[in-house]
C-alpha atoms as a PDB file:
ATOM      1  CA  MET A   1       0.710  -9.513  28.081  1.00  0.00           C
ATOM      2  CA  VAL A   2       0.709  -6.350  30.139  1.00  0.00           C
ATOM      3  CA  ARG A   3      -1.971  -3.891  29.052  1.00  0.00           C
ATOM      4  CA  SER A   4      -0.291  -0.706  27.777  1.00  0.00           C
ATOM      5  CA  SER A   5      -1.439   2.770  26.888  1.00  0.00           C
ATOM      6  CA  VAL A   6      -0.514   3.109  23.211  1.00  0.00           C
ATOM      7  CA  VAL A   7      -0.459   6.385  21.274  1.00  0.00           C
ATOM      8  CA  ILE A   8      -0.446   6.231  17.475  1.00  0.00           C
ATOM      9  CA  VAL A   9       0.937   9.386  15.907  1.00  0.00           C
ATOM     10  CA  SER A  10      -0.499   9.916  12.423  1.00  0.00           C
ATOM     11  CA  PRO A  11       0.599  13.086  10.576  1.00  0.00           C
ATOM     12  CA  VAL A  12      -2.730  13.475   8.736  1.00  0.00           C
ATOM     13  CA  PRO A  13      -6.200  14.445   9.986  1.00  0.00           C
ATOM     14  CA  ALA A  14      -8.275  11.616  11.424  1.00  0.00           C
ATOM     15  CA  GLY A  15     -10.899  11.762   8.674  1.00  0.00           C
ATOM     16  CA  SER A  16      -8.411  11.444   5.813  1.00  0.00           C
ATOM     17  CA  ASN A  17      -8.466   8.477   3.445  1.00  0.00           C
ATOM     18  CA  ASN A  18      -4.773   8.119   2.715  1.00  0.00           C
ATOM     19  CA  GLY A  19      -2.570   5.227   3.793  1.00  0.00           C
ATOM     20  CA  ASN A  20      -1.369   6.700   7.102  1.00  0.00           C
ATOM     21  CA  ALA A  21      -4.896   7.518   8.269  1.00  0.00           C
ATOM     22  CA  GLN A  22      -6.213   4.102   7.285  1.00  0.00           C
ATOM     23  CA  THR A  23      -3.335   2.386   9.083  1.00  0.00           C
ATOM     24  CA  ALA A  24      -3.887   4.443  12.251  1.00  0.00           C
ATOM     25  CA  ARG A  25      -7.597   3.618  12.355  1.00  0.00           C
ATOM     26  CA  ARG A  26      -7.060  -0.050  11.656  1.00  0.00           C
ATOM     27  CA  TRP A  27      -4.309  -0.455  14.247  1.00  0.00           C
ATOM     28  CA  ALA A  28      -6.444   1.269  16.863  1.00  0.00           C
ATOM     29  CA  ARG A  29      -9.189  -1.294  16.181  1.00  0.00           C
ATOM     30  CA  LEU A  30      -6.844  -4.276  16.140  1.00  0.00           C
ATOM     31  CA  LEU A  31      -5.169  -3.292  19.440  1.00  0.00           C
ATOM     32  CA  GLY A  32      -8.273  -1.951  21.181  1.00  0.00           C
ATOM     33  CA  ASP A  33      -9.251  -5.230  22.834  1.00  0.00           C
ATOM     34  CA  THR A  34      -5.920  -5.653  24.601  1.00  0.00           C
ATOM     35  CA  HIS A  35      -4.539  -2.126  25.063  1.00  0.00           C
ATOM     36  CA  ARG A  36      -5.695   1.412  25.634  1.00  0.00           C
ATOM     37  CA  VAL A  37      -5.173   3.121  22.281  1.00  0.00           C
ATOM     38  CA  ARG A  38      -5.535   6.682  21.074  1.00  0.00           C
ATOM     39  CA  VAL A  39      -4.599   8.432  17.811  1.00  0.00           C
ATOM     40  CA  THR A  40      -3.156  11.941  17.609  1.00  0.00           C
ATOM     41  CA  GLN A  41      -1.522  14.157  15.006  1.00  0.00           C
ATOM     42  CA  GLN A  42       0.963  15.772  17.375  1.00  0.00           C
ATOM     43  CA  TRP A  43       2.781  14.729  20.533  1.00  0.00           C
ATOM     44  CA  PRO A  44       3.032  15.778  23.321  1.00  0.00           C
ATOM     45  CA  ASP A  45      -0.589  16.738  23.782  1.00  0.00           C
ATOM     46  CA  ALA A  46      -3.104  16.725  26.632  1.00  0.00           C
ATOM     47  CA  GLY A  47      -3.015  12.925  26.958  1.00  0.00           C
ATOM     48  CA  ALA A  48       0.750  12.483  26.672  1.00  0.00           C
ATOM     49  CA  ALA A  49       1.469  11.765  30.352  1.00  0.00           C
ATOM     50  CA  GLY A  50      -0.426   8.477  30.245  1.00  0.00           C
ATOM     51  CA  ASP A  51       1.264   7.076  27.118  1.00  0.00           C
ATOM     52  CA  ALA A  52       3.585   4.115  27.550  1.00  0.00           C
ATOM     53  CA  VAL A  53       4.159   3.137  23.912  1.00  0.00           C
ATOM     54  CA  MET A  54       4.326   5.301  20.791  1.00  0.00           C
ATOM     55  CA  LEU A  55       3.800   4.053  17.234  1.00  0.00           C
ATOM     56  CA  ALA A  56       4.812   6.990  15.016  1.00  0.00           C
ATOM     57  CA  LEU A  57       3.699   6.755  11.391  1.00  0.00           C
ATOM     58  CA  HIS A  58       6.191   8.364   8.988  1.00  0.00           C
ATOM     59  CA  ALA A  59       9.824   9.021   9.935  1.00  0.00           C
ATOM     60  CA  ARG A  60       9.929  12.533   8.476  1.00  0.00           C
ATOM     61  CA  ARG A  61       6.428  13.892   9.026  1.00  0.00           C
ATOM     62  CA  SER A  62       6.242  12.577  12.605  1.00  0.00           C
ATOM     63  CA  ALA A  63       9.850  13.519  13.372  1.00  0.00           C
ATOM     64  CA  ALA A  64       8.890  16.223  15.903  1.00  0.00           C
ATOM     65  CA  ALA A  65       6.826  13.738  17.932  1.00  0.00           C
ATOM     66  CA  VAL A  66       9.604  11.129  17.744  1.00  0.00           C
ATOM     67  CA  GLN A  67      12.194  13.627  18.929  1.00  0.00           C
ATOM     68  CA  ALA A  68       9.939  14.877  21.722  1.00  0.00           C
ATOM     69  CA  TRP A  69       9.364  11.317  22.983  1.00  0.00           C
ATOM     70  CA  ALA A  70      13.048  10.457  22.776  1.00  0.00           C
ATOM     71  CA  GLY A  71      14.016  13.672  24.524  1.00  0.00           C
ATOM     72  CA  ALA A  72      11.679  12.910  27.415  1.00  0.00           C
ATOM     73  CA  ARG A  73      12.011   9.127  27.634  1.00  0.00           C
ATOM     74  CA  GLY A  74      14.786   7.923  25.361  1.00  0.00           C
ATOM     75  CA  PRO A  75      13.983   5.006  23.010  1.00  0.00           C
ATOM     76  CA  ARG A  76      11.816   3.263  25.604  1.00  0.00           C
ATOM     77  CA  GLY A  77       8.511   2.210  24.060  1.00  0.00           C
ATOM     78  CA  LEU A  78       9.148   3.998  20.756  1.00  0.00           C
ATOM     79  CA  ALA A  79       8.526   2.510  17.299  1.00  0.00           C
ATOM     80  CA  VAL A  80       8.664   4.365  13.976  1.00  0.00           C
ATOM     81  CA  VAL A  81       6.611   3.031  11.065  1.00  0.00           C
ATOM     82  CA  LEU A  82       8.186   3.690   7.667  1.00  0.00           C
ATOM     83  CA  THR A  83       6.284   4.707   4.553  1.00  0.00           C
ATOM     84  CA  GLY A  84       7.396   4.449   0.937  1.00  0.00           C
ATOM     85  CA  THR A  85       8.569   8.051   0.790  1.00  0.00           C
ATOM     86  CA  ASP A  86      10.534   7.439   3.992  1.00  0.00           C
ATOM     87  CA  LEU A  87      12.271   4.372   2.625  1.00  0.00           C
ATOM     88  CA  TYR A  88      12.899   5.305  -0.968  1.00  0.00           C
ATOM     89  CA  GLN A  89      13.246   9.060  -0.716  1.00  0.00           C
ATOM     90  CA  ASP A  90      13.401  10.855   2.645  1.00  0.00           C
ATOM     91  CA  ILE A  91      15.975   8.834   4.568  1.00  0.00           C
ATOM     92  CA  ALA A  92      18.478   9.534   1.790  1.00  0.00           C
ATOM     93  CA  THR A  93      17.930  13.290   1.848  1.00  0.00           C
ATOM     94  CA  ASP A  94      16.304  14.369   5.122  1.00  0.00           C
ATOM     95  CA  ALA A  95      18.287  14.564   8.372  1.00  0.00           C
ATOM     96  CA  GLN A  96      15.170  14.497  10.565  1.00  0.00           C
ATOM     97  CA  ALA A  97      13.933  11.293   8.914  1.00  0.00           C
ATOM     98  CA  ARG A  98      17.315   9.629   9.513  1.00  0.00           C
ATOM     99  CA  ARG A  99      17.280  10.857  13.099  1.00  0.00           C
ATOM    100  CA  SER A 100      13.904   9.169  13.667  1.00  0.00           C
ATOM    101  CA  LEU A 101      15.482   5.831  12.680  1.00  0.00           C
ATOM    102  CA  GLU A 102      18.279   6.327  15.182  1.00  0.00           C
ATOM    103  CA  LEU A 103      15.987   7.298  18.072  1.00  0.00           C
ATOM    104  CA  ALA A 104      13.468   4.444  17.835  1.00  0.00           C
ATOM    105  CA  ALA A 105      13.693   1.190  19.738  1.00  0.00           C
ATOM    106  CA  ARG A 106      11.962  -0.581  16.851  1.00  0.00           C
ATOM    107  CA  LEU A 107      11.343   0.206  13.186  1.00  0.00           C
ATOM    108  CA  VAL A 108       8.302  -1.185  11.388  1.00  0.00           C
ATOM    109  CA  VAL A 109       8.226  -1.785   7.643  1.00  0.00           C
ATOM    110  CA  LEU A 110       5.177  -2.934   5.708  1.00  0.00           C
ATOM    111  CA  GLN A 111       6.669  -5.368   3.196  1.00  0.00           C
ATOM    112  CA  ASP A 112       9.618  -7.722   3.132  1.00  0.00           C
ATOM    113  CA  GLN A 113      11.870  -5.860   0.675  1.00  0.00           C
ATOM    114  CA  ALA A 114      11.857  -2.720   2.810  1.00  0.00           C
ATOM    115  CA  VAL A 115      14.477  -3.860   5.320  1.00  0.00           C
ATOM    116  CA  ASP A 116      17.130  -3.741   2.581  1.00  0.00           C
ATOM    117  CA  ALA A 117      16.320  -0.061   1.978  1.00  0.00           C
ATOM    118  CA  LEU A 118      17.287   0.863   5.551  1.00  0.00           C
ATOM    119  CA  PRO A 119      20.788   1.953   6.572  1.00  0.00           C
ATOM    120  CA  ALA A 120      22.755  -1.104   7.661  1.00  0.00           C
ATOM    121  CA  ALA A 121      23.251   0.309  11.144  1.00  0.00           C
ATOM    122  CA  VAL A 122      19.524   0.186  11.972  1.00  0.00           C
ATOM    123  CA  ARG A 123      18.326  -2.920  10.122  1.00  0.00           C
ATOM    124  CA  ALA A 124      18.452  -5.070  13.249  1.00  0.00           C
ATOM    125  CA  LYS A 125      15.699  -2.889  14.736  1.00  0.00           C
ATOM    126  CA  ALA A 126      13.313  -3.564  11.845  1.00  0.00           C
ATOM    127  CA  ARG A 127      10.212  -5.748  11.952  1.00  0.00           C
ATOM    128  CA  VAL A 128       7.932  -6.551   9.003  1.00  0.00           C
ATOM    129  CA  ILE A 129       4.201  -6.191   9.684  1.00  0.00           C
ATOM    130  CA  TYR A 130       2.041  -6.583   6.601  1.00  0.00           C
ATOM    131  CA  GLN A 131      -1.085  -4.463   6.544  1.00  0.00           C
ATOM    132  CA  SER A 132      -4.386  -6.264   6.368  1.00  0.00           C
ATOM    133  CA  THR A 133      -7.951  -6.159   5.160  1.00  0.00           C
ATOM    134  CA  PRO A 134     -10.887  -8.582   5.462  1.00  0.00           C
ATOM    135  CA  ALA A 135     -11.295 -11.058   2.630  1.00  0.00           C
ATOM    136  CA  ARG A 136     -13.944 -10.353   0.007  1.00  0.00           C
ATOM    137  CA  ALA A 137     -15.689 -12.928  -2.138  1.00  0.00           C
ATOM    138  CA  THR A 138     -14.296 -13.392  -5.652  1.00  0.00           C
ATOM    139  CA  LEU A 139     -17.074 -12.247  -7.966  1.00  0.00           C
ATOM    140  CA  PRO A 140     -17.933 -13.695 -11.381  1.00  0.00           C
ATOM    141  CA  LYS A 141     -16.287 -11.776 -14.242  1.00  0.00           C
ATOM    142  CA  THR A 142     -17.721 -11.082 -17.642  1.00  0.00           C
ATOM    143  CA  ALA A 143     -16.149 -12.836 -20.632  1.00  0.00           C
ATOM    144  CA  ARG A 144     -17.252 -10.094 -23.043  1.00  0.00           C
ATOM    145  CA  ARG A 145     -14.252  -7.914 -22.219  1.00  0.00           C
ATOM    146  CA  LEU A 146     -11.222  -7.647 -19.964  1.00  0.00           C
ATOM    147  CA  HIS A 147     -11.837  -5.135 -17.201  1.00  0.00           C
ATOM    148  CA  ALA A 148      -8.836  -3.594 -15.395  1.00  0.00           C
ATOM    149  CA  VAL A 149      -9.064  -1.062 -12.579  1.00  0.00           C
ATOM    150  CA  MET A 150      -6.376   1.311 -11.302  1.00  0.00           C
ATOM    151  CA  VAL A 151      -6.820   2.864  -7.850  1.00  0.00           C
ATOM    152  CA  GLY A 152      -4.664   5.727  -6.644  1.00  0.00           C
ATOM    153  CA  HIS A 153      -4.713   9.484  -6.432  1.00  0.00           C
ATOM    154  CA  LEU A 154      -3.278  11.154  -9.518  1.00  0.00           C
ATOM    155  CA  ARG A 155       0.135  12.406  -8.460  1.00  0.00           C
ATOM    156  CA  GLU A 156       3.692  11.938  -9.659  1.00  0.00           C
ATOM    157  CA  VAL A 157       4.702   9.170  -7.258  1.00  0.00           C
ATOM    158  CA  LYS A 158       1.814   6.981  -8.465  1.00  0.00           C
ATOM    159  CA  SER A 159       2.945   7.347 -12.119  1.00  0.00           C
ATOM    160  CA  PRO A 160      -0.504   7.782 -13.688  1.00  0.00           C
ATOM    161  CA  GLN A 161       1.208   8.893 -16.896  1.00  0.00           C
ATOM    162  CA  THR A 162       2.156   5.240 -17.483  1.00  0.00           C
ATOM    163  CA  LEU A 163      -1.505   4.292 -17.489  1.00  0.00           C
ATOM    164  CA  PHE A 164      -2.436   7.199 -19.766  1.00  0.00           C
ATOM    165  CA  GLU A 165       0.186   6.093 -22.284  1.00  0.00           C
ATOM    166  CA  ALA A 166      -0.995   2.470 -22.118  1.00  0.00           C
ATOM    167  CA  VAL A 167      -4.579   3.672 -22.671  1.00  0.00           C
ATOM    168  CA  ARG A 168      -3.491   5.386 -25.875  1.00  0.00           C
ATOM    169  CA  LEU A 169      -1.668   2.280 -27.052  1.00  0.00           C
ATOM    170  CA  LEU A 170      -4.880   0.296 -26.557  1.00  0.00           C
ATOM    171  CA  ALA A 171      -7.110   2.824 -28.358  1.00  0.00           C
ATOM    172  CA  GLY A 172      -9.632   1.002 -30.507  1.00  0.00           C
ATOM    173  CA  ARG A 173      -9.660  -2.013 -28.155  1.00  0.00           C
ATOM    174  CA  ALA A 174     -13.240  -1.833 -26.875  1.00  0.00           C
ATOM    175  CA  ASP A 175     -12.681  -5.309 -25.447  1.00  0.00           C
ATOM    176  CA  ILE A 176     -10.187  -3.966 -22.865  1.00  0.00           C
ATOM    177  CA  ARG A 177     -11.946  -1.634 -20.439  1.00  0.00           C
ATOM    178  CA  ILE A 178      -9.894   0.389 -17.939  1.00  0.00           C
ATOM    179  CA  THR A 179     -11.446   2.173 -14.961  1.00  0.00           C
ATOM    180  CA  HIS A 180      -9.318   4.700 -13.058  1.00  0.00           C
ATOM    181  CA  ILE A 181     -10.246   5.772  -9.506  1.00  0.00           C
ATOM    182  CA  GLY A 182      -8.511   8.587  -7.631  1.00  0.00           C
ATOM    183  CA  GLU A 183      -8.557  12.312  -7.083  1.00  0.00           C
ATOM    184  CA  ALA A 184      -6.362  14.590  -9.168  1.00  0.00           C
ATOM    185  CA  GLY A 185      -3.680  16.057  -6.910  1.00  0.00           C
ATOM    186  CA  GLU A 186      -3.163  18.953  -9.353  1.00  0.00           C
ATOM    187  CA  PRO A 187      -5.311  20.288 -12.206  1.00  0.00           C
ATOM    188  CA  HIS A 188      -2.947  19.106 -14.938  1.00  0.00           C
ATOM    189  CA  TRP A 189      -3.520  15.470 -13.907  1.00  0.00           C
ATOM    190  CA  ALA A 190      -7.235  15.923 -14.418  1.00  0.00           C
ATOM    191  CA  ASP A 191      -6.547  17.389 -17.854  1.00  0.00           C
ATOM    192  CA  LEU A 192      -4.374  14.401 -18.769  1.00  0.00           C
ATOM    193  CA  ALA A 193      -7.034  11.937 -17.566  1.00  0.00           C
ATOM    194  CA  ARG A 194      -9.723  13.650 -19.642  1.00  0.00           C
ATOM    195  CA  ALA A 195      -7.419  13.631 -22.676  1.00  0.00           C
ATOM    196  CA  ALA A 196      -6.937   9.886 -22.203  1.00  0.00           C
ATOM    197  CA  GLU A 197     -10.716   9.445 -22.082  1.00  0.00           C
ATOM    198  CA  ALA A 198     -11.003  11.299 -25.364  1.00  0.00           C
ATOM    199  CA  ALA A 199      -8.296   9.139 -26.948  1.00  0.00           C
ATOM    200  CA  ASN A 200      -9.824   5.836 -25.819  1.00  0.00           C
ATOM    201  CA  PRO A 201     -13.525   5.608 -24.867  1.00  0.00           C
ATOM    202  CA  ALA A 202     -12.836   2.286 -23.117  1.00  0.00           C
ATOM    203  CA  TYR A 203     -10.960   4.242 -20.413  1.00  0.00           C
ATOM    204  CA  ARG A 204     -12.953   6.016 -17.703  1.00  0.00           C
ATOM    205  CA  TRP A 205     -11.618   8.266 -14.941  1.00  0.00           C
ATOM    206  CA  LEU A 206     -14.113   8.338 -12.056  1.00  0.00           C
ATOM    207  CA  GLY A 207     -12.245  10.638  -9.664  1.00  0.00           C
ATOM    208  CA  GLY A 208     -12.324   9.866  -5.948  1.00  0.00           C
ATOM    209  CA  LEU A 209     -14.898   7.396  -4.632  1.00  0.00           C
ATOM    210  CA  PRO A 210     -15.897   6.167  -1.144  1.00  0.00           C
ATOM    211  CA  HIS A 211     -13.820   3.247   0.054  1.00  0.00           C
ATOM    212  CA  ALA A 212     -16.740   0.774  -0.123  1.00  0.00           C
ATOM    213  CA  ARG A 213     -17.220   1.558  -3.804  1.00  0.00           C
ATOM    214  CA  VAL A 214     -13.504   1.183  -4.435  1.00  0.00           C
ATOM    215  CA  ARG A 215     -13.463  -2.271  -2.854  1.00  0.00           C
ATOM    216  CA  SER A 216     -16.501  -3.261  -4.949  1.00  0.00           C
ATOM    217  CA  ALA A 217     -14.809  -2.056  -8.146  1.00  0.00           C
ATOM    218  CA  ILE A 218     -11.713  -4.114  -7.322  1.00  0.00           C
ATOM    219  CA  GLN A 219     -13.848  -7.195  -6.697  1.00  0.00           C
ATOM    220  CA  ARG A 220     -15.569  -6.860 -10.068  1.00  0.00           C
ATOM    221  CA  ALA A 221     -12.408  -6.312 -12.126  1.00  0.00           C
ATOM    222  CA  HIS A 222     -10.341  -9.013 -13.786  1.00  0.00           C
ATOM    223  CA  LEU A 223      -7.131  -7.163 -12.865  1.00  0.00           C
ATOM    224  CA  LEU A 224      -5.819  -4.350 -10.688  1.00  0.00           C
ATOM    225  CA  VAL A 225      -3.187  -2.152 -12.351  1.00  0.00           C
ATOM    226  CA  HIS A 226      -0.640  -0.481 -10.068  1.00  0.00           C
ATOM    227  CA  THR A 227       1.937   1.785 -11.726  1.00  0.00           C
ATOM    228  CA  SER A 228       3.687   3.448  -8.753  1.00  0.00           C
ATOM    229  CA  ALA A 229       7.252   4.689  -8.755  1.00  0.00           C
ATOM    230  CA  LEU A 230       7.675   3.782  -5.088  1.00  0.00           C
ATOM    231  CA  GLU A 231       5.597   2.217  -2.331  1.00  0.00           C
ATOM    232  CA  GLY A 232       6.011   1.374   1.324  1.00  0.00           C
ATOM    233  CA  GLY A 233       3.299  -1.304   1.089  1.00  0.00           C
ATOM    234  CA  ALA A 234       0.260  -0.398  -1.004  1.00  0.00           C
ATOM    235  CA  HIS A 235      -3.177  -0.838   0.595  1.00  0.00           C
ATOM    236  CA  VAL A 236      -4.728  -1.350  -2.814  1.00  0.00           C
ATOM    237  CA  ILE A 237      -2.546  -4.371  -3.596  1.00  0.00           C
ATOM    238  CA  MET A 238      -3.589  -6.186  -0.443  1.00  0.00           C
ATOM    239  CA  GLU A 239      -7.225  -5.247  -1.114  1.00  0.00           C
ATOM    240  CA  ALA A 240      -7.000  -6.778  -4.573  1.00  0.00           C
ATOM    241  CA  VAL A 241      -5.260  -9.914  -3.339  1.00  0.00           C
ATOM    242  CA  ARG A 242      -7.830 -10.364  -0.568  1.00  0.00           C
ATOM    243  CA  SER A 243     -10.614  -9.989  -3.161  1.00  0.00           C
ATOM    244  CA  GLY A 244      -9.260 -12.647  -5.505  1.00  0.00           C
ATOM    245  CA  THR A 245      -8.294 -10.038  -8.106  1.00  0.00           C
ATOM    246  CA  PRO A 246      -4.773 -10.444  -9.513  1.00  0.00           C
ATOM    247  CA  VAL A 247      -2.428  -7.502 -10.020  1.00  0.00           C
ATOM    248  CA  LEU A 248      -0.271  -6.052 -12.788  1.00  0.00           C
ATOM    249  CA  ALA A 249       2.269  -3.942 -10.920  1.00  0.00           C
ATOM    250  CA  SER A 250       5.420  -1.943 -11.609  1.00  0.00           C
ATOM    251  CA  GLY A 251       8.417  -4.021 -10.597  1.00  0.00           C
ATOM    252  CA  VAL A 252       9.578  -1.678  -7.841  1.00  0.00           C
ATOM    253  CA  SER A 253      10.790  -2.847  -4.469  1.00  0.00           C
ATOM    254  CA  GLY A 254       7.625  -1.965  -2.536  1.00  0.00           C
ATOM    255  CA  ASN A 255       5.412  -3.965  -4.905  1.00  0.00           C
ATOM    256  CA  ILE A 256       7.790  -6.933  -4.999  1.00  0.00           C
ATOM    257  CA  GLY A 257       7.745  -6.960  -1.205  1.00  0.00           C
ATOM    258  CA  MET A 258       3.961  -7.366  -1.304  1.00  0.00           C
ATOM    259  CA  LEU A 259       3.595  -9.852  -4.174  1.00  0.00           C
ATOM    260  CA  GLY A 260       6.819 -11.847  -3.952  1.00  0.00           C
ATOM    261  CA  THR A 261       9.987 -12.146  -6.004  1.00  0.00           C
ATOM    262  CA  GLY A 262       8.579 -14.906  -8.227  1.00  0.00           C
ATOM    263  CA  TYR A 263       5.378 -13.099  -9.161  1.00  0.00           C
ATOM    264  CA  GLU A 264       4.766 -12.967 -12.931  1.00  0.00           C
ATOM    265  CA  GLY A 265       2.621  -9.825 -13.150  1.00  0.00           C
ATOM    266  CA  TYR A 266       5.350  -7.166 -13.053  1.00  0.00           C
ATOM    267  CA  PHE A 267       6.201  -4.639 -15.744  1.00  0.00           C
ATOM    268  CA  THR A 268       9.132  -2.255 -15.771  1.00  0.00           C
ATOM    269  CA  HIS A 269       8.230   0.984 -14.049  1.00  0.00           C
ATOM    270  CA  GLY A 270       7.220   3.575 -16.638  1.00  0.00           C
ATOM    271  CA  ASP A 271       7.007   1.053 -19.482  1.00  0.00           C
ATOM    272  CA  ALA A 272       3.529   1.681 -20.877  1.00  0.00           C
ATOM    273  CA  ALA A 273       4.092  -0.619 -23.857  1.00  0.00           C
ATOM    274  CA  GLN A 274       4.874  -3.513 -21.553  1.00  0.00           C
ATOM    275  CA  LEU A 275       1.761  -2.827 -19.475  1.00  0.00           C
ATOM    276  CA  ALA A 276      -0.402  -2.598 -22.601  1.00  0.00           C
ATOM    277  CA  ALA A 277       1.070  -5.875 -23.894  1.00  0.00           C
ATOM    278  CA  LEU A 278       0.250  -7.643 -20.619  1.00  0.00           C
ATOM    279  CA  LEU A 279      -3.347  -6.419 -20.763  1.00  0.00           C
ATOM    280  CA  ALA A 280      -3.632  -7.489 -24.403  1.00  0.00           C
ATOM    281  CA  ARG A 281      -2.186 -10.913 -23.578  1.00  0.00           C
ATOM    282  CA  CYS A 282      -4.674 -11.476 -20.789  1.00  0.00           C
ATOM    283  CA  ARG A 283      -7.533 -10.531 -23.117  1.00  0.00           C
ATOM    284  CA  ALA A 284      -6.247 -12.784 -25.906  1.00  0.00           C
ATOM    285  CA  GLU A 285      -6.072 -15.743 -23.535  1.00  0.00           C
ATOM    286  CA  GLN A 286      -9.546 -14.898 -22.257  1.00  0.00           C
ATOM    287  CA  VAL A 287     -10.948 -15.187 -25.794  1.00  0.00           C
ATOM    288  CA  GLY A 288      -8.879 -18.201 -26.850  1.00  0.00           C
ATOM    289  CA  PRO A 289      -6.683 -19.900 -24.255  1.00  0.00           C
ATOM    290  CA  PRO A 290      -3.214 -21.015 -25.377  1.00  0.00           C
ATOM    291  CA  ASP A 291      -2.690 -24.600 -26.496  1.00  0.00           C
ATOM    292  CA  ASP A 292      -0.903 -25.275 -23.231  1.00  0.00           C
ATOM    293  CA  PRO A 293      -3.381 -24.099 -20.528  1.00  0.00           C
ATOM    294  CA  PRO A 294      -0.758 -23.836 -17.747  1.00  0.00           C
ATOM    295  CA  ARG A 295       0.829 -21.040 -19.783  1.00  0.00           C
ATOM    296  CA  ALA A 296      -2.261 -18.835 -19.405  1.00  0.00           C
ATOM    297  CA  LEU A 297      -1.106 -15.778 -17.432  1.00  0.00           C
ATOM    298  CA  LEU A 298      -4.276 -14.586 -15.708  1.00  0.00           C
ATOM    299  CA  PRO A 299      -5.052 -17.877 -13.894  1.00  0.00           C
ATOM    300  CA  ARG A 300      -1.413 -18.127 -12.804  1.00  0.00           C
ATOM    301  CA  LEU A 301      -1.487 -14.612 -11.398  1.00  0.00           C
ATOM    302  CA  ARG A 302      -4.695 -15.455  -9.543  1.00  0.00           C
ATOM    303  CA  THR A 303      -3.045 -18.518  -7.993  1.00  0.00           C
ATOM    304  CA  GLN A 304       0.100 -16.592  -7.048  1.00  0.00           C
ATOM    305  CA  CYS A 305      -1.950 -13.823  -5.415  1.00  0.00           C
ATOM    306  CA  GLY A 306      -3.986 -16.435  -3.559  1.00  0.00           C
ATOM    307  CA  ALA A 307      -0.796 -17.823  -2.063  1.00  0.00           C
ATOM    308  CA  ARG A 308       0.087 -14.364  -0.687  1.00  0.00           C
ATOM    309  CA  ALA A 309      -3.412 -13.630   0.682  1.00  0.00           C
ATOM    310  CA  PRO A 310      -2.807 -15.071   4.210  1.00  0.00           C
ATOM    311  CA  LEU A 311      -0.034 -12.495   4.728  1.00  0.00           C
ATOM    312  CA  PHE A 312      -2.668  -9.744   4.603  1.00  0.00           C
ATOM    313  CA  ALA A 313      -5.221 -11.293   6.963  1.00  0.00           C
ATOM    314  CA  PRO A 314      -6.293  -9.143   9.937  1.00  0.00           C
ATOM    315  CA  GLU A 315      -5.316 -11.843  12.434  1.00  0.00           C
ATOM    316  CA  ALA A 316      -1.772 -11.908  11.021  1.00  0.00           C
ATOM    317  CA  GLU A 317      -1.441  -8.127  11.319  1.00  0.00           C
ATOM    318  CA  ARG A 318      -2.860  -8.185  14.843  1.00  0.00           C
ATOM    319  CA  ASP A 319      -0.377 -10.870  15.905  1.00  0.00           C
ATOM    320  CA  GLY A 320       2.486  -8.805  14.488  1.00  0.00           C
ATOM    321  CA  LEU A 321       1.315  -5.721  16.345  1.00  0.00           C
ATOM    322  CA  LEU A 322       0.943  -7.583  19.626  1.00  0.00           C
ATOM    323  CA  ARG A 323       4.475  -8.952  19.289  1.00  0.00           C
ATOM    324  CA  LEU A 324       5.696  -5.425  18.595  1.00  0.00           C
ATOM    325  CA  ILE A 325       3.972  -4.029  21.682  1.00  0.00           C
ATOM    326  CA  HIS A 326       5.420  -6.877  23.742  1.00  0.00           C
ATOM    327  CA  HIS A 327       8.947  -6.010  22.554  1.00  0.00           C
ATOM    328  CA  LEU A 328       8.361  -2.325  23.231  1.00  0.00           C
ATOM    329  CA  GLN A 329       7.105  -3.167  26.738  1.00  0.00           C
ATOM    330  CA  ASP A 330      10.388  -4.993  27.309  1.00  0.00           C
ATOM    331  CA  THR A 331      12.203  -1.704  26.771  1.00  0.00           C
ATOM    332  CA  ILE A 332      10.208  -0.024  29.562  1.00  0.00           C
ATOM    333  CA  PRO A 333      11.847  -0.360  33.008  1.00  0.00           C
END
C-alpha cells in the first residue's frame, strides 16, 4: 500500500471526550504505522497542501471542510464519516449535510443498519467500519444484587428520562442497583437526576468520570443500560461488549446495527416500564433461575454479545480503515 498523508477533520477540540474526538484519536493511532496522519478541526489550514486523503467526521459539522476539499480537488481522496445525528436527523433537514454526502468519494458508517438510512443515490458509496476498543477481562459479579450502569451525558438524544422513570418504578428494590455516569448538558437534567436519587436510593448519579473509571464501572456491572433515541454507533456499547458485560438497549436502528437483529436485550425506546421489567427479570433469575436454564435471559445476552465482540476488535477496525485508504488512493490520479 502506498503511504499517504491523511488528515482527519474532527469538529470538536482535540481534548474532548465525545465520540468524534475519541474516533479521531483512535484512527490516528491505528493508521499511524502505515500513513502520515494529522487531526485538525478546520480545513484548509497550514498543513493542507500536503494532505492526500481526508476523513471528515460529521457530514454537517465538517461541511465547510468537505466543501473546501471538493472545491479544490473534487471527490478525490475524500471520505465523510456519518454520525447518528447525521443519519437520523441532519441529512433529512440540512442541505449542507446532504451536500457532504454528494461530494465524497466514500461514505463511512459505523454500524450495519446505517446504510439503509442513507439516500438511495449515495448508498453505493457507503462502507461499514465498526469502531473498536481493546478487550477487557470479564470480572466476577456479586450475587447480592443486580448492578446496572448507564453511561452517557444527560441530554435529550440520550433519553435519560427513560432511566429516571424506570428508577422510580423500581423504588424499594434495594437488590437492583443502578449507577448513572455522565455530565448534565443542562441544569434541569441534573435536577431530574437528583430527584431520581431521592426517589430510589439504589440509583446513583456520579456525573462525568475519567474514561478509565468508566471502563472499570462497565466491567464490574452485570448490565449496561443504553436508552438513546438515536445513535450512529455507540462507543459505550462496544466497550460493554468487549468487557463481557451484556446490554439492555433501546431498539433503535443504531443500537440494532451494533448488537444484531436477533439480540434479545432490546426495549422499545422510551418505554421505562419495559426496561424496569427486564431489569427485574434479570434479578429474579439471578436469585432463582427458571426451571428451564436456557430460558435465563442474562446468560443468553452475554453469549449473544460475545458473538459480536470480534466486530469491535482494534485489528478489525484497522483493516477496515486500511481498505478505505486504499480505495481513496485509487481515486487519486
